[in-house]
């Protein structure tokens, strides 16, 4: 299954809290969503992951869910030290 091209997204309150907790920058999140290294379909959700050279943690990942009624995607959560399989 080919990953969707995501151009519009919003953060859930949970994702916003995790971004702050895990010190993920807005630039890193944008890069992760726009040019992921890993794309994993999970039913209606997608997990996108990316490795950043400047970060010492493993893979940074985000879980996104499409809001068809709004034409955009919701970032449900973000993770660091992710092991995409």
PDB file of N, CA and C in Angstrom:
ATOM      1  N   UNK A   1       0.839  -1.176   0.000  1.00  0.00           N
ATOM      2  CA  UNK A   1       0.000   0.000   0.000  1.00  0.00           C
ATOM      3  C   UNK A   1       0.888   1.244   0.000  1.00  0.00           C
ATOM      4  N   UNK A   2       0.597   2.154  -0.886  1.00  0.00           N
ATOM      5  CA  UNK A   2       1.373   3.384  -1.003  1.00  0.00           C
ATOM      6  C   UNK A   2       0.926   4.391   0.060  1.00  0.00           C
ATOM      7  N   UNK A   3       1.888   4.997   0.704  1.00  0.00           N
ATOM      8  CA  UNK A   3       1.592   5.982   1.749  1.00  0.00           C
ATOM      9  C   UNK A   3       0.981   7.233   1.137  1.00  0.00           C
ATOM     10  N   UNK A   4       0.051   7.847   1.846  1.00  0.00           N
ATOM     11  CA  UNK A   4      -0.560   9.078   1.345  1.00  0.00           C
ATOM     12  C   UNK A   4       0.422  10.249   1.431  1.00  0.00           C
ATOM     13  N   UNK A   5       0.228  11.210   0.540  1.00  0.00           N
ATOM     14  CA  UNK A   5       0.995  12.457   0.602  1.00  0.00           C
ATOM     15  C   UNK A   5       0.222  13.395   1.522  1.00  0.00           C
ATOM     16  N   UNK A   6       0.784  13.697   2.652  1.00  0.00           N
ATOM     17  CA  UNK A   6       0.096  14.501   3.655  1.00  0.00           C
ATOM     18  C   UNK A   6       0.600  15.938   3.581  1.00  0.00           C
ATOM     19  N   UNK A   7      -0.319  16.849   3.317  1.00  0.00           N
ATOM     20  CA  UNK A   7       0.057  18.258   3.200  1.00  0.00           C
ATOM     21  C   UNK A   7      -0.552  19.117   4.306  1.00  0.00           C
ATOM     22  N   UNK A   8      -1.625  18.640   4.939  1.00  0.00           N
ATOM     23  CA  UNK A   8      -2.257  19.391   6.017  1.00  0.00           C
ATOM     24  C   UNK A   8      -2.466  18.481   7.208  1.00  0.00           C
ATOM     25  N   UNK A   9      -2.052  18.958   8.377  1.00  0.00           N
ATOM     26  CA  UNK A   9      -2.261  18.166   9.590  1.00  0.00           C
ATOM     27  C   UNK A   9      -2.440  19.099  10.781  1.00  0.00           C
ATOM     28  N   UNK A  10      -3.040  18.535  11.816  1.00  0.00           N
ATOM     29  CA  UNK A  10      -3.202  19.232  13.094  1.00  0.00           C
ATOM     30  C   UNK A  10      -2.718  18.288  14.192  1.00  0.00           C
ATOM     31  N   UNK A  11      -2.350  18.865  15.315  1.00  0.00           N
ATOM     32  CA  UNK A  11      -1.881  18.075  16.445  1.00  0.00           C
ATOM     33  C   UNK A  11      -3.010  17.824  17.422  1.00  0.00           C
ATOM     34  N   UNK A  12      -3.133  16.591  17.878  1.00  0.00           N
ATOM     35  CA  UNK A  12      -4.049  16.298  18.976  1.00  0.00           C
ATOM     36  C   UNK A  12      -3.415  16.846  20.255  1.00  0.00           C
ATOM     37  N   UNK A  13      -4.203  17.077  21.298  1.00  0.00           N
ATOM     38  CA  UNK A  13      -3.607  17.516  22.570  1.00  0.00           C
ATOM     39  C   UNK A  13      -2.555  16.529  23.079  1.00  0.00           C
ATOM     40  N   UNK A  14      -2.795  15.239  22.894  1.00  0.00           N
ATOM     41  CA  UNK A  14      -1.837  14.215  23.317  1.00  0.00           C
ATOM     42  C   UNK A  14      -0.517  14.369  22.557  1.00  0.00           C
ATOM     43  N   UNK A  15      -0.602  14.551  21.224  1.00  0.00           N
ATOM     44  CA  UNK A  15       0.605  14.701  20.416  1.00  0.00           C
ATOM     45  C   UNK A  15       1.387  15.949  20.824  1.00  0.00           C
ATOM     46  N   UNK A  16       0.693  17.037  21.088  1.00  0.00           N
ATOM     47  CA  UNK A  16       1.355  18.265  21.504  1.00  0.00           C
ATOM     48  C   UNK A  16       2.134  18.048  22.804  1.00  0.00           C
ATOM     49  N   UNK A  17       1.531  17.348  23.745  1.00  0.00           N
ATOM     50  CA  UNK A  17       2.212  17.055  25.007  1.00  0.00           C
ATOM     51  C   UNK A  17       3.446  16.180  24.772  1.00  0.00           C
ATOM     52  N   UNK A  18       3.332  15.173  23.898  1.00  0.00           N
ATOM     53  CA  UNK A  18       4.460  14.267  23.639  1.00  0.00           C
ATOM     54  C   UNK A  18       5.582  14.977  22.881  1.00  0.00           C
ATOM     55  N   UNK A  19       5.249  15.892  21.986  1.00  0.00           N
ATOM     56  CA  UNK A  19       6.266  16.656  21.258  1.00  0.00           C
ATOM     57  C   UNK A  19       7.106  17.459  22.241  1.00  0.00           C
ATOM     58  N   UNK A  20       6.440  18.100  23.189  1.00  0.00           N
ATOM     59  CA  UNK A  20       7.156  18.886  24.193  1.00  0.00           C
ATOM     60  C   UNK A  20       7.985  17.978  25.096  1.00  0.00           C
ATOM     61  N   UNK A  21       7.395  16.883  25.533  1.00  0.00           N
ATOM     62  CA  UNK A  21       8.079  15.944  26.419  1.00  0.00           C
ATOM     63  C   UNK A  21       9.310  15.334  25.761  1.00  0.00           C
ATOM     64  N   UNK A  22       9.208  15.027  24.490  1.00  0.00           N
ATOM     65  CA  UNK A  22      10.283  14.327  23.774  1.00  0.00           C
ATOM     66  C   UNK A  22      11.192  15.277  23.000  1.00  0.00           C
ATOM     67  N   UNK A  23      10.941  16.573  23.163  1.00  0.00           N
ATOM     68  CA  UNK A  23      11.780  17.615  22.551  1.00  0.00           C
ATOM     69  C   UNK A  23      11.919  17.436  21.036  1.00  0.00           C
ATOM     70  N   UNK A  24      10.791  17.219  20.387  1.00  0.00           N
ATOM     71  CA  UNK A  24      10.741  17.110  18.928  1.00  0.00           C
ATOM     72  C   UNK A  24      10.355  18.483  18.391  1.00  0.00           C
ATOM     73  N   UNK A  25      11.168  19.021  17.489  1.00  0.00           N
ATOM     74  CA  UNK A  25      10.914  20.366  16.981  1.00  0.00           C
ATOM     75  C   UNK A  25       9.842  20.350  15.894  1.00  0.00           C
ATOM     76  N   UNK A  26       9.285  21.526  15.624  1.00  0.00           N
ATOM     77  CA  UNK A  26       8.294  21.662  14.549  1.00  0.00           C
ATOM     78  C   UNK A  26       8.922  21.286  13.213  1.00  0.00           C
ATOM     79  N   UNK A  27      10.177  21.658  13.018  1.00  0.00           N
ATOM     80  CA  UNK A  27      10.888  21.324  11.781  1.00  0.00           C
ATOM     81  C   UNK A  27      11.050  19.809  11.636  1.00  0.00           C
ATOM     82  N   UNK A  28      11.425  19.139  12.715  1.00  0.00           N
ATOM     83  CA  UNK A  28      11.580  17.679  12.668  1.00  0.00           C
ATOM     84  C   UNK A  28      10.246  17.013  12.359  1.00  0.00           C
ATOM     85  N   UNK A  29       9.170  17.478  12.977  1.00  0.00           N
ATOM     86  CA  UNK A  29       7.860  16.893  12.720  1.00  0.00           C
ATOM     87  C   UNK A  29       7.462  17.086  11.258  1.00  0.00           C
ATOM     88  N   UNK A  30       7.691  18.271  10.725  1.00  0.00           N
ATOM     89  CA  UNK A  30       7.370  18.530   9.310  1.00  0.00           C
ATOM     90  C   UNK A  30       8.163  17.608   8.393  1.00  0.00           C
ATOM     91  N   UNK A  31       9.453  17.480   8.656  1.00  0.00           N
ATOM     92  CA  UNK A  31      10.291  16.603   7.829  1.00  0.00           C
ATOM     93  C   UNK A  31       9.833  15.156   7.931  1.00  0.00           C
ATOM     94  N   UNK A  32       9.508  14.731   9.136  1.00  0.00           N
ATOM     95  CA  UNK A  32       9.059  13.360   9.367  1.00  0.00           C
ATOM     96  C   UNK A  32       7.805  13.058   8.536  1.00  0.00           C
ATOM     97  N   UNK A  33       6.852  13.979   8.535  1.00  0.00           N
ATOM     98  CA  UNK A  33       5.592  13.764   7.819  1.00  0.00           C
ATOM     99  C   UNK A  33       5.766  13.910   6.308  1.00  0.00           C
ATOM    100  N   UNK A  34       6.578  14.876   5.885  1.00  0.00           N
ATOM    101  CA  UNK A  34       6.721  15.144   4.454  1.00  0.00           C
ATOM    102  C   UNK A  34       7.668  14.177   3.744  1.00  0.00           C
ATOM    103  N   UNK A  35       8.711  13.719   4.445  1.00  0.00           N
ATOM    104  CA  UNK A  35       9.692  12.815   3.816  1.00  0.00           C
ATOM    105  C   UNK A  35      10.091  11.709   4.792  1.00  0.00           C
ATOM    106  N   UNK A  36       9.162  10.822   5.128  1.00  0.00           N
ATOM    107  CA  UNK A  36       9.482   9.761   6.092  1.00  0.00           C
ATOM    108  C   UNK A  36      10.454   8.728   5.516  1.00  0.00           C
ATOM    109  N   UNK A  37      11.243   8.121   6.402  1.00  0.00           N
ATOM    110  CA  UNK A  37      12.104   6.999   6.029  1.00  0.00           C
ATOM    111  C   UNK A  37      11.332   5.684   6.134  1.00  0.00           C
ATOM    112  N   UNK A  38      10.348   5.658   7.027  1.00  0.00           N
ATOM    113  CA  UNK A  38       9.546   4.461   7.293  1.00  0.00           C
ATOM    114  C   UNK A  38       8.073   4.833   7.181  1.00  0.00           C
ATOM    115  N   UNK A  39       7.295   3.982   6.495  1.00  0.00           N
ATOM    116  CA  UNK A  39       5.848   4.184   6.338  1.00  0.00           C
ATOM    117  C   UNK A  39       5.155   2.865   6.649  1.00  0.00           C
ATOM    118  N   UNK A  40       4.373   2.837   7.736  1.00  0.00           N
ATOM    119  CA  UNK A  40       3.725   1.594   8.156  1.00  0.00           C
ATOM    120  C   UNK A  40       2.212   1.809   8.211  1.00  0.00           C
ATOM    121  N   UNK A  41       1.448   1.121   7.341  1.00  0.00           N
ATOM    122  CA  UNK A  41      -0.016   1.251   7.434  1.00  0.00           C
ATOM    123  C   UNK A  41      -0.546   0.473   8.633  1.00  0.00           C
ATOM    124  N   UNK A  42      -1.504   1.059   9.335  1.00  0.00           N
ATOM    125  CA  UNK A  42      -2.127   0.436  10.506  1.00  0.00           C
ATOM    126  C   UNK A  42      -3.637   0.629  10.401  1.00  0.00           C
ATOM    127  N   UNK A  43      -4.260  -0.029   9.429  1.00  0.00           N
ATOM    128  CA  UNK A  43      -5.692   0.174   9.196  1.00  0.00           C
ATOM    129  C   UNK A  43      -5.906   1.588   8.681  1.00  0.00           C
ATOM    130  N   UNK A  44      -6.752   2.369   9.354  1.00  0.00           N
ATOM    131  CA  UNK A  44      -6.984   3.749   8.888  1.00  0.00           C
ATOM    132  C   UNK A  44      -5.868   4.711   9.299  1.00  0.00           C
ATOM    133  N   UNK A  45      -4.935   4.242  10.126  1.00  0.00           N
ATOM    134  CA  UNK A  45      -3.841   5.082  10.600  1.00  0.00           C
ATOM    135  C   UNK A  45      -2.556   4.739   9.843  1.00  0.00           C
ATOM    136  N   UNK A  46      -1.612   5.660   9.894  1.00  0.00           N
ATOM    137  CA  UNK A  46      -0.279   5.442   9.347  1.00  0.00           C
ATOM    138  C   UNK A  46       0.744   5.822  10.406  1.00  0.00           C
ATOM    139  N   UNK A  47       1.825   5.058  10.470  1.00  0.00           N
ATOM    140  CA  UNK A  47       2.972   5.417  11.287  1.00  0.00           C
ATOM    141  C   UNK A  47       4.075   5.836  10.326  1.00  0.00           C
ATOM    142  N   UNK A  48       4.567   7.055  10.502  1.00  0.00           N
ATOM    143  CA  UNK A  48       5.686   7.561   9.718  1.00  0.00           C
ATOM    144  C   UNK A  48       6.865   7.705  10.661  1.00  0.00           C
ATOM    145  N   UNK A  49       8.048   7.286  10.202  1.00  0.00           N
ATOM    146  CA  UNK A  49       9.243   7.395  11.028  1.00  0.00           C
ATOM    147  C   UNK A  49      10.395   7.991  10.253  1.00  0.00           C
ATOM    148  N   UNK A  50      11.295   8.628  10.967  1.00  0.00           N
ATOM    149  CA  UNK A  50      12.465   9.232  10.334  1.00  0.00           C
ATOM    150  C   UNK A  50      13.616   9.250  11.330  1.00  0.00           C
ATOM    151  N   UNK A  51      14.815   9.039  10.818  1.00  0.00           N
ATOM    152  CA  UNK A  51      16.031   9.146  11.604  1.00  0.00           C
ATOM    153  C   UNK A  51      16.626  10.529  11.378  1.00  0.00           C
ATOM    154  N   UNK A  52      16.995  11.189  12.465  1.00  0.00           N
ATOM    155  CA  UNK A  52      17.621  12.501  12.392  1.00  0.00           C
ATOM    156  C   UNK A  52      19.043  12.387  12.929  1.00  0.00           C
ATOM    157  N   UNK A  53      20.007  12.799  12.134  1.00  0.00           N
ATOM    158  CA  UNK A  53      21.416  12.675  12.497  1.00  0.00           C
ATOM    159  C   UNK A  53      21.718  13.433  13.791  1.00  0.00           C
ATOM    160  N   UNK A  54      21.085  14.562  13.988  1.00  0.00           N
ATOM    161  CA  UNK A  54      21.368  15.399  15.158  1.00  0.00           C
ATOM    162  C   UNK A  54      20.758  14.862  16.454  1.00  0.00           C
ATOM    163  N   UNK A  55      19.921  13.832  16.354  1.00  0.00           N
ATOM    164  CA  UNK A  55      19.281  13.267  17.550  1.00  0.00           C
ATOM    165  C   UNK A  55      19.979  11.966  17.934  1.00  0.00           C
ATOM    166  N   UNK A  56      20.149  11.752  19.222  1.00  0.00           N
ATOM    167  CA  UNK A  56      20.821  10.534  19.685  1.00  0.00           C
ATOM    168  C   UNK A  56      19.847   9.370  19.848  1.00  0.00           C
ATOM    169  N   UNK A  57      18.538   9.672  19.848  1.00  0.00           N
ATOM    170  CA  UNK A  57      17.569   8.582  19.979  1.00  0.00           C
ATOM    171  C   UNK A  57      17.418   7.850  18.655  1.00  0.00           C
ATOM    172  N   UNK A  58      16.774   6.748  18.700  1.00  0.00           N
ATOM    173  CA  UNK A  58      16.636   5.858  17.561  1.00  0.00           C
ATOM    174  C   UNK A  58      15.871   6.526  16.431  1.00  0.00           C
ATOM    175  N   UNK A  59      14.695   6.067  16.161  1.00  0.00           N
ATOM    176  CA  UNK A  59      13.830   6.566  15.092  1.00  0.00           C
ATOM    177  C   UNK A  59      12.738   7.403  15.743  1.00  0.00           C
ATOM    178  N   UNK A  60      12.444   8.572  15.182  1.00  0.00           N
ATOM    179  CA  UNK A  60      11.330   9.399  15.650  1.00  0.00           C
ATOM    180  C   UNK A  60      10.138   9.052  14.768  1.00  0.00           C
ATOM    181  N   UNK A  61       8.973   8.852  15.380  1.00  0.00           N
ATOM    182  CA  UNK A  61       7.803   8.419  14.619  1.00  0.00           C
ATOM    183  C   UNK A  61       6.566   9.201  15.039  1.00  0.00           C
ATOM    184  N   UNK A  62       5.600   9.256  14.125  1.00  0.00           N
ATOM    185  CA  UNK A  62       4.310   9.893  14.399  1.00  0.00           C
ATOM    186  C   UNK A  62       3.209   8.985  13.878  1.00  0.00           C
ATOM    187  N   UNK A  63       2.105   8.941  14.617  1.00  0.00           N
ATOM    188  CA  UNK A  63       0.924   8.190  14.194  1.00  0.00           C
ATOM    189  C   UNK A  63      -0.105   9.204  13.722  1.00  0.00           C
ATOM    190  N   UNK A  64      -0.569   9.027  12.476  1.00  0.00           N
ATOM    191  CA  UNK A  64      -1.529   9.960  11.889  1.00  0.00           C
ATOM    192  C   UNK A  64      -2.801   9.246  11.467  1.00  0.00           C
ATOM    193  N   UNK A  65      -3.918   9.954  11.589  1.00  0.00           N
ATOM    194  CA  UNK A  65      -5.228   9.436  11.207  1.00  0.00           C
ATOM    195  C   UNK A  65      -5.908  10.478  10.335  1.00  0.00           C
ATOM    196  N   UNK A  66      -6.454  10.054   9.206  1.00  0.00           N
ATOM    197  CA  UNK A  66      -7.107  10.985   8.292  1.00  0.00           C
ATOM    198  C   UNK A  66      -8.491  11.370   8.794  1.00  0.00           C
ATOM    199  N   UNK A  67      -8.787  12.656   8.741  1.00  0.00           N
ATOM    200  CA  UNK A  67     -10.122  13.173   9.030  1.00  0.00           C
ATOM    201  C   UNK A  67     -10.766  13.474   7.686  1.00  0.00           C
ATOM    202  N   UNK A  68     -11.475  12.511   7.137  1.00  0.00           N
ATOM    203  CA  UNK A  68     -12.035  12.652   5.792  1.00  0.00           C
ATOM    204  C   UNK A  68     -13.017  13.822   5.687  1.00  0.00           C
ATOM    205  N   UNK A  69     -13.739  14.093   6.766  1.00  0.00           N
ATOM    206  CA  UNK A  69     -14.693  15.190   6.719  1.00  0.00           C
ATOM    207  C   UNK A  69     -14.011  16.555   6.683  1.00  0.00           C
ATOM    208  N   UNK A  70     -12.760  16.614   7.079  1.00  0.00           N
ATOM    209  CA  UNK A  70     -12.034  17.883   7.132  1.00  0.00           C
ATOM    210  C   UNK A  70     -10.967  18.004   6.046  1.00  0.00           C
ATOM    211  N   UNK A  71     -10.630  16.888   5.402  1.00  0.00           N
ATOM    212  CA  UNK A  71      -9.582  16.922   4.382  1.00  0.00           C
ATOM    213  C   UNK A  71      -8.190  17.127   4.956  1.00  0.00           C
ATOM    214  N   UNK A  72      -8.001  16.709   6.194  1.00  0.00           N
ATOM    215  CA  UNK A  72      -6.682  16.821   6.792  1.00  0.00           C
ATOM    216  C   UNK A  72      -6.405  15.625   7.682  1.00  0.00           C
ATOM    217  N   UNK A  73      -5.206  15.571   8.202  1.00  0.00           N
ATOM    218  CA  UNK A  73      -4.765  14.465   9.048  1.00  0.00           C
ATOM    219  C   UNK A  73      -4.549  14.954  10.473  1.00  0.00           C
ATOM    220  N   UNK A  74      -4.781  14.081  11.434  1.00  0.00           N
ATOM    221  CA  UNK A  74      -4.568  14.389  12.847  1.00  0.00           C
ATOM    222  C   UNK A  74      -3.350  13.591  13.315  1.00  0.00           C
ATOM    223  N   UNK A  75      -2.387  14.290  13.887  1.00  0.00           N
ATOM    224  CA  UNK A  75      -1.243  13.623  14.495  1.00  0.00           C
ATOM    225  C   UNK A  75      -1.710  13.180  15.879  1.00  0.00           C
ATOM    226  N   UNK A  76      -1.833  11.862  16.066  1.00  0.00           N
ATOM    227  CA  UNK A  76      -2.346  11.321  17.325  1.00  0.00           C
ATOM    228  C   UNK A  76      -1.294  11.288  18.418  1.00  0.00           C
ATOM    229  N   UNK A  77      -0.066  10.925  18.040  1.00  0.00           N
ATOM    230  CA  UNK A  77       1.027  10.872  19.008  1.00  0.00           C
ATOM    231  C   UNK A  77       2.351  10.905  18.260  1.00  0.00           C
ATOM    232  N   UNK A  78       3.418  11.180  18.988  1.00  0.00           N
ATOM    233  CA  UNK A  78       4.770  11.093  18.448  1.00  0.00           C
ATOM    234  C   UNK A  78       5.616  10.277  19.417  1.00  0.00           C
ATOM    235  N   UNK A  79       6.592   9.600  18.884  1.00  0.00           N
ATOM    236  CA  UNK A  79       7.422   8.703  19.685  1.00  0.00           C
ATOM    237  C   UNK A  79       8.894   8.910  19.326  1.00  0.00           C
ATOM    238  N   UNK A  80       9.750   8.657  20.290  1.00  0.00           N
ATOM    239  CA  UNK A  80      11.174   8.548  19.988  1.00  0.00           C
ATOM    240  C   UNK A  80      11.598   7.132  20.396  1.00  0.00           C
ATOM    241  N   UNK A  81      12.773   6.753  20.032  1.00  0.00           N
ATOM    242  CA  UNK A  81      13.261   5.378  20.282  1.00  0.00           C
ATOM    243  C   UNK A  81      12.314   4.346  19.648  1.00  0.00           C
ATOM    244  N   UNK A  82      11.683   4.704  18.540  1.00  0.00           N
ATOM    245  CA  UNK A  82      10.750   3.808  17.865  1.00  0.00           C
ATOM    246  C   UNK A  82      11.518   2.754  17.075  1.00  0.00           C
ATOM    247  N   UNK A  83      11.009   1.547  17.090  1.00  0.00           N
ATOM    248  CA  UNK A  83      11.617   0.455  16.319  1.00  0.00           C
ATOM    249  C   UNK A  83      10.609  -0.018  15.294  1.00  0.00           C
ATOM    250  N   UNK A  84      10.645   0.579  14.115  1.00  0.00           N
ATOM    251  CA  UNK A  84       9.691   0.234  13.055  1.00  0.00           C
ATOM    252  C   UNK A  84      10.019  -1.121  12.463  1.00  0.00           C
ATOM    253  N   UNK A  85       9.047  -1.978  12.416  1.00  0.00           N
ATOM    254  CA  UNK A  85       9.239  -3.325  11.855  1.00  0.00           C
ATOM    255  C   UNK A  85       8.346  -3.476  10.659  1.00  0.00           C
TER     256      UNK A  85
END
